Amino acid sequence: MRTLLIFIALALIVMIGKRLLQKSRTRPTQRAVSANMVQCAHCGIYIPQHEALARDSRFYCSAAHRDEDHD
């Protein structure tokens, strides 16, 4: 009887451990967001399209670069 209780306790510990490890592995992939990357027409760095400023079908990383490119 004592051996059966020890076996059940060990099985529970292993199951809980696996769940904790599985949760810690899946968290970073859930936060990762894939976005279309575009290149700044002024300096050439790549930024997510939703953060870029657009003018005349060209993308810029900041308002300063957008304004400098059109002066």
C-alpha atoms as a PDB file:
ATOM      1  CA  MET A   1       0.000   0.000   0.000  1.00  0.00           C
ATOM      2  CA  ARG A   2       2.811   2.395   0.878  1.00  0.00           C
ATOM      3  CA  THR A   3       4.549   1.696  -2.444  1.00  0.00           C
ATOM      4  CA  LEU A   4       1.348   2.478  -4.348  1.00  0.00           C
ATOM      5  CA  LEU A   5       1.006   5.861  -2.614  1.00  0.00           C
ATOM      6  CA  ILE A   6       4.645   6.719  -3.362  1.00  0.00           C
ATOM      7  CA  PHE A   7       4.134   5.765  -7.021  1.00  0.00           C
ATOM      8  CA  ILE A   8       0.995   7.950  -7.273  1.00  0.00           C
ATOM      9  CA  ALA A   9       2.792  10.892  -5.631  1.00  0.00           C
ATOM     10  CA  LEU A  10       5.735  10.582  -8.036  1.00  0.00           C
ATOM     11  CA  ALA A  11       3.381  10.381 -11.025  1.00  0.00           C
ATOM     12  CA  LEU A  12       1.617  13.564  -9.901  1.00  0.00           C
ATOM     13  CA  ILE A  13       4.927  15.377  -9.447  1.00  0.00           C
ATOM     14  CA  VAL A  14       6.043  14.355 -12.955  1.00  0.00           C
ATOM     15  CA  MET A  15       2.726  15.458 -14.499  1.00  0.00           C
ATOM     16  CA  ILE A  16       2.839  18.851 -12.769  1.00  0.00           C
ATOM     17  CA  GLY A  17       6.473  19.318 -13.783  1.00  0.00           C
ATOM     18  CA  LYS A  18       5.697  18.580 -17.425  1.00  0.00           C
ATOM     19  CA  ARG A  19       2.840  21.089 -17.454  1.00  0.00           C
ATOM     20  CA  LEU A  20       5.012  23.814 -15.946  1.00  0.00           C
ATOM     21  CA  LEU A  21       7.771  23.199 -18.482  1.00  0.00           C
ATOM     22  CA  GLN A  22       5.282  23.097 -21.335  1.00  0.00           C
ATOM     23  CA  LYS A  23       3.741  26.434 -20.317  1.00  0.00           C
ATOM     24  CA  SER A  24       7.141  28.136 -20.068  1.00  0.00           C
ATOM     25  CA  ARG A  25       8.074  26.920 -23.563  1.00  0.00           C
ATOM     26  CA  THR A  26       4.872  28.117 -25.231  1.00  0.00           C
ATOM     27  CA  ARG A  27       4.743  31.636 -23.783  1.00  0.00           C
ATOM     28  CA  PRO A  28       7.382  33.281 -26.014  1.00  0.00           C
ATOM     29  CA  THR A  29       5.835  31.916 -29.196  1.00  0.00           C
ATOM     30  CA  GLN A  30       2.419  33.208 -28.196  1.00  0.00           C
ATOM     31  CA  ARG A  31       3.751  36.735 -27.770  1.00  0.00           C
ATOM     32  CA  ALA A  32       5.629  36.743 -31.032  1.00  0.00           C
ATOM     33  CA  VAL A  33       3.753  38.736 -33.615  1.00  0.00           C
ATOM     34  CA  SER A  34       4.657  38.409 -37.231  1.00  0.00           C
ATOM     35  CA  ALA A  35       4.487  41.674 -39.114  1.00  0.00           C
ATOM     36  CA  ASN A  36       5.397  42.822 -42.580  1.00  0.00           C
ATOM     37  CA  MET A  37       8.729  44.581 -42.401  1.00  0.00           C
ATOM     38  CA  VAL A  38       9.467  47.617 -44.566  1.00  0.00           C
ATOM     39  CA  GLN A  39      12.652  49.540 -45.159  1.00  0.00           C
ATOM     40  CA  CYS A  40      13.015  53.230 -44.359  1.00  0.00           C
ATOM     41  CA  ALA A  41      13.610  55.068 -47.630  1.00  0.00           C
ATOM     42  CA  HIS A  42      15.968  57.503 -45.878  1.00  0.00           C
ATOM     43  CA  CYS A  43      18.238  55.454 -43.593  1.00  0.00           C
ATOM     44  CA  GLY A  44      17.524  51.882 -44.703  1.00  0.00           C
ATOM     45  CA  ILE A  45      16.577  50.261 -41.394  1.00  0.00           C
ATOM     46  CA  TYR A  46      13.730  47.769 -41.303  1.00  0.00           C
ATOM     47  CA  ILE A  47      10.667  48.440 -39.170  1.00  0.00           C
ATOM     48  CA  PRO A  48       7.219  46.832 -38.862  1.00  0.00           C
ATOM     49  CA  GLN A  49       4.873  48.253 -41.476  1.00  0.00           C
ATOM     50  CA  HIS A  50       2.256  49.195 -38.883  1.00  0.00           C
ATOM     51  CA  GLU A  51       4.828  51.476 -37.189  1.00  0.00           C
ATOM     52  CA  ALA A  52       6.148  53.048 -40.397  1.00  0.00           C
ATOM     53  CA  LEU A  53       5.125  56.416 -41.783  1.00  0.00           C
ATOM     54  CA  ALA A  54       4.171  56.328 -45.462  1.00  0.00           C
ATOM     55  CA  ARG A  55       4.326  59.007 -48.133  1.00  0.00           C
ATOM     56  CA  ASP A  56       4.088  58.466 -51.885  1.00  0.00           C
ATOM     57  CA  SER A  57       4.249  54.669 -51.426  1.00  0.00           C
ATOM     58  CA  ARG A  58       7.571  54.976 -49.563  1.00  0.00           C
ATOM     59  CA  PHE A  59       8.033  54.119 -45.889  1.00  0.00           C
ATOM     60  CA  TYR A  60       9.948  55.997 -43.203  1.00  0.00           C
ATOM     61  CA  CYS A  61      10.966  55.172 -39.629  1.00  0.00           C
ATOM     62  CA  SER A  62      10.287  58.687 -38.317  1.00  0.00           C
ATOM     63  CA  ALA A  63       8.668  61.980 -39.242  1.00  0.00           C
ATOM     64  CA  ALA A  64      12.114  63.604 -39.430  1.00  0.00           C
ATOM     65  CA  HIS A  65      13.285  61.122 -42.063  1.00  0.00           C
ATOM     66  CA  ARG A  66      10.035  61.508 -43.968  1.00  0.00           C
ATOM     67  CA  ASP A  67      10.421  65.296 -44.016  1.00  0.00           C
ATOM     68  CA  GLU A  68      14.162  65.255 -44.835  1.00  0.00           C
ATOM     69  CA  ASP A  69      13.629  62.968 -47.797  1.00  0.00           C
ATOM     70  CA  HIS A  70      11.089  65.331 -49.361  1.00  0.00           C
ATOM     71  CA  ASP A  71      12.954  68.611 -48.847  1.00  0.00           C
END
